[in-house]
């Protein structure tokens, strides 16, 4: 299962959370129309909607530390009479780091 892939259990939870946030925005704005929640012409969104001050979003991804070359990338030109260059099989490192973006 990929990092971005939602299971059937996760999808209803996402919908429920999104609806809850939408209802809270409507309640805080005193507005039933959801097409223009937040900033209107000449308005500061922080003055109108305190929900956005408390909302934190984030995403994470795993980045492998090793960037192995492909066979084609590692090719080099050599003279036919030059000795054969020994190549060793490169294994991808098991170490990885997590990059988190907010």
C-alpha atoms as a PDB file:
ATOM      1  CA  UNK A   1       0.000   0.000   0.000  1.00  0.00           C
ATOM      2  CA  UNK A   2       1.411   3.397  -0.995  1.00  0.00           C
ATOM      3  CA  UNK A   3       1.759   6.343   1.342  1.00  0.00           C
ATOM      4  CA  UNK A   4      -0.967   8.338  -0.425  1.00  0.00           C
ATOM      5  CA  UNK A   5      -3.385   5.456  -0.835  1.00  0.00           C
ATOM      6  CA  UNK A   6      -6.526   5.568   1.323  1.00  0.00           C
ATOM      7  CA  UNK A   7      -8.236   2.387   2.442  1.00  0.00           C
ATOM      8  CA  UNK A   8     -11.999   2.033   2.383  1.00  0.00           C
ATOM      9  CA  UNK A   9     -11.987   2.695   6.157  1.00  0.00           C
ATOM     10  CA  UNK A  10     -10.023   5.941   5.762  1.00  0.00           C
ATOM     11  CA  UNK A  11     -12.269   7.466   3.077  1.00  0.00           C
ATOM     12  CA  UNK A  12     -15.377   7.930   5.291  1.00  0.00           C
ATOM     13  CA  UNK A  13     -13.165   9.338   8.066  1.00  0.00           C
ATOM     14  CA  UNK A  14     -11.760  11.925   5.630  1.00  0.00           C
ATOM     15  CA  UNK A  15     -15.253  12.878   4.463  1.00  0.00           C
ATOM     16  CA  UNK A  16     -16.509  13.173   8.048  1.00  0.00           C
ATOM     17  CA  UNK A  17     -13.553  15.348   9.086  1.00  0.00           C
ATOM     18  CA  UNK A  18     -13.934  17.602   6.030  1.00  0.00           C
ATOM     19  CA  UNK A  19     -17.657  18.047   6.683  1.00  0.00           C
ATOM     20  CA  UNK A  20     -16.944  18.840  10.337  1.00  0.00           C
ATOM     21  CA  UNK A  21     -14.417  21.535   9.359  1.00  0.00           C
ATOM     22  CA  UNK A  22     -16.810  22.962   6.777  1.00  0.00           C
ATOM     23  CA  UNK A  23     -19.636  23.169   9.338  1.00  0.00           C
ATOM     24  CA  UNK A  24     -17.301  24.851  11.821  1.00  0.00           C
ATOM     25  CA  UNK A  25     -16.294  27.424   9.203  1.00  0.00           C
ATOM     26  CA  UNK A  26     -19.966  28.101   8.482  1.00  0.00           C
ATOM     27  CA  UNK A  27     -20.746  28.452  12.197  1.00  0.00           C
ATOM     28  CA  UNK A  28     -17.785  30.750  12.861  1.00  0.00           C
ATOM     29  CA  UNK A  29     -18.676  32.912   9.861  1.00  0.00           C
ATOM     30  CA  UNK A  30     -22.408  32.916  10.529  1.00  0.00           C
ATOM     31  CA  UNK A  31     -22.742  32.017   6.869  1.00  0.00           C
ATOM     32  CA  UNK A  32     -24.603  29.194   5.150  1.00  0.00           C
ATOM     33  CA  UNK A  33     -23.008  29.722   1.715  1.00  0.00           C
ATOM     34  CA  UNK A  34     -19.819  27.656   1.455  1.00  0.00           C
ATOM     35  CA  UNK A  35     -18.552  29.177  -1.793  1.00  0.00           C
ATOM     36  CA  UNK A  36     -16.838  32.172  -0.177  1.00  0.00           C
ATOM     37  CA  UNK A  37     -15.762  31.032   3.293  1.00  0.00           C
ATOM     38  CA  UNK A  38     -12.926  33.088   4.675  1.00  0.00           C
ATOM     39  CA  UNK A  39     -11.776  36.243   2.971  1.00  0.00           C
ATOM     40  CA  UNK A  40     -14.089  38.671   1.260  1.00  0.00           C
ATOM     41  CA  UNK A  41     -13.027  41.796  -0.636  1.00  0.00           C
ATOM     42  CA  UNK A  42     -11.107  44.053   1.748  1.00  0.00           C
ATOM     43  CA  UNK A  43     -11.424  41.641   4.706  1.00  0.00           C
ATOM     44  CA  UNK A  44      -8.679  40.116   6.827  1.00  0.00           C
ATOM     45  CA  UNK A  45      -9.283  36.362   7.128  1.00  0.00           C
ATOM     46  CA  UNK A  46      -7.879  36.305  10.699  1.00  0.00           C
ATOM     47  CA  UNK A  47     -10.411  38.866  11.894  1.00  0.00           C
ATOM     48  CA  UNK A  48     -13.299  36.933  10.372  1.00  0.00           C
ATOM     49  CA  UNK A  49     -12.300  33.318  10.924  1.00  0.00           C
ATOM     50  CA  UNK A  50     -10.315  32.163  13.966  1.00  0.00           C
ATOM     51  CA  UNK A  51     -10.530  28.529  12.837  1.00  0.00           C
ATOM     52  CA  UNK A  52      -7.755  29.112  10.300  1.00  0.00           C
ATOM     53  CA  UNK A  53      -5.438  30.273  13.101  1.00  0.00           C
ATOM     54  CA  UNK A  54      -5.748  26.854  14.778  1.00  0.00           C
ATOM     55  CA  UNK A  55      -5.613  24.659  11.681  1.00  0.00           C
ATOM     56  CA  UNK A  56      -2.379  22.751  10.995  1.00  0.00           C
ATOM     57  CA  UNK A  57      -1.818  20.731   7.850  1.00  0.00           C
ATOM     58  CA  UNK A  58       1.100  18.523   6.987  1.00  0.00           C
ATOM     59  CA  UNK A  59       2.423  15.834   4.721  1.00  0.00           C
ATOM     60  CA  UNK A  60       5.255  13.356   5.040  1.00  0.00           C
ATOM     61  CA  UNK A  61       7.263  11.273   2.644  1.00  0.00           C
ATOM     62  CA  UNK A  62      10.164   8.869   2.918  1.00  0.00           C
ATOM     63  CA  UNK A  63      13.315   9.653   0.970  1.00  0.00           C
ATOM     64  CA  UNK A  64      15.891   6.930   0.309  1.00  0.00           C
ATOM     65  CA  UNK A  65      19.439   7.974   1.115  1.00  0.00           C
ATOM     66  CA  UNK A  66      20.928   6.068  -1.809  1.00  0.00           C
ATOM     67  CA  UNK A  67      20.654   7.252  -5.401  1.00  0.00           C
ATOM     68  CA  UNK A  68      22.092   4.307  -7.306  1.00  0.00           C
ATOM     69  CA  UNK A  69      23.003   4.759 -10.951  1.00  0.00           C
ATOM     70  CA  UNK A  70      21.320   2.714 -13.617  1.00  0.00           C
ATOM     71  CA  UNK A  71      23.437   0.532 -15.861  1.00  0.00           C
ATOM     72  CA  UNK A  72      23.127   3.114 -18.630  1.00  0.00           C
ATOM     73  CA  UNK A  73      24.158   5.967 -16.303  1.00  0.00           C
ATOM     74  CA  UNK A  74      27.321   4.145 -15.296  1.00  0.00           C
ATOM     75  CA  UNK A  75      28.485   3.460 -18.866  1.00  0.00           C
ATOM     76  CA  UNK A  76      31.765   5.091 -19.873  1.00  0.00           C
ATOM     77  CA  UNK A  77      33.632   5.232 -23.165  1.00  0.00           C
ATOM     78  CA  UNK A  78      36.861   3.293 -23.297  1.00  0.00           C
ATOM     79  CA  UNK A  79      39.369   2.223 -25.905  1.00  0.00           C
ATOM     80  CA  UNK A  80      38.952  -1.380 -27.110  1.00  0.00           C
ATOM     81  CA  UNK A  81      42.428  -2.257 -25.852  1.00  0.00           C
ATOM     82  CA  UNK A  82      41.775  -0.812 -22.365  1.00  0.00           C
ATOM     83  CA  UNK A  83      41.336  -3.275 -19.494  1.00  0.00           C
ATOM     84  CA  UNK A  84      37.807  -4.145 -18.415  1.00  0.00           C
ATOM     85  CA  UNK A  85      36.510  -2.029 -15.544  1.00  0.00           C
ATOM     86  CA  UNK A  86      35.221  -4.117 -12.657  1.00  0.00           C
ATOM     87  CA  UNK A  87      31.754  -3.173 -11.475  1.00  0.00           C
ATOM     88  CA  UNK A  88      30.148  -4.174  -8.241  1.00  0.00           C
ATOM     89  CA  UNK A  89      26.477  -4.653  -7.621  1.00  0.00           C
ATOM     90  CA  UNK A  90      25.053  -1.762  -5.647  1.00  0.00           C
ATOM     91  CA  UNK A  91      22.274  -2.423  -3.166  1.00  0.00           C
ATOM     92  CA  UNK A  92      19.835   0.219  -2.105  1.00  0.00           C
ATOM     93  CA  UNK A  93      20.452   1.385   1.423  1.00  0.00           C
ATOM     94  CA  UNK A  94      17.926   0.290   4.020  1.00  0.00           C
ATOM     95  CA  UNK A  95      18.259   3.660   5.729  1.00  0.00           C
ATOM     96  CA  UNK A  96      15.785   6.358   4.880  1.00  0.00           C
ATOM     97  CA  UNK A  97      14.777   9.717   6.270  1.00  0.00           C
ATOM     98  CA  UNK A  98      11.342  11.192   6.742  1.00  0.00           C
ATOM     99  CA  UNK A  99      10.716  14.656   5.366  1.00  0.00           C
ATOM    100  CA  UNK A 100       7.757  16.428   6.940  1.00  0.00           C
ATOM    101  CA  UNK A 101       6.278  19.546   5.338  1.00  0.00           C
ATOM    102  CA  UNK A 102       3.832  21.930   7.002  1.00  0.00           C
END
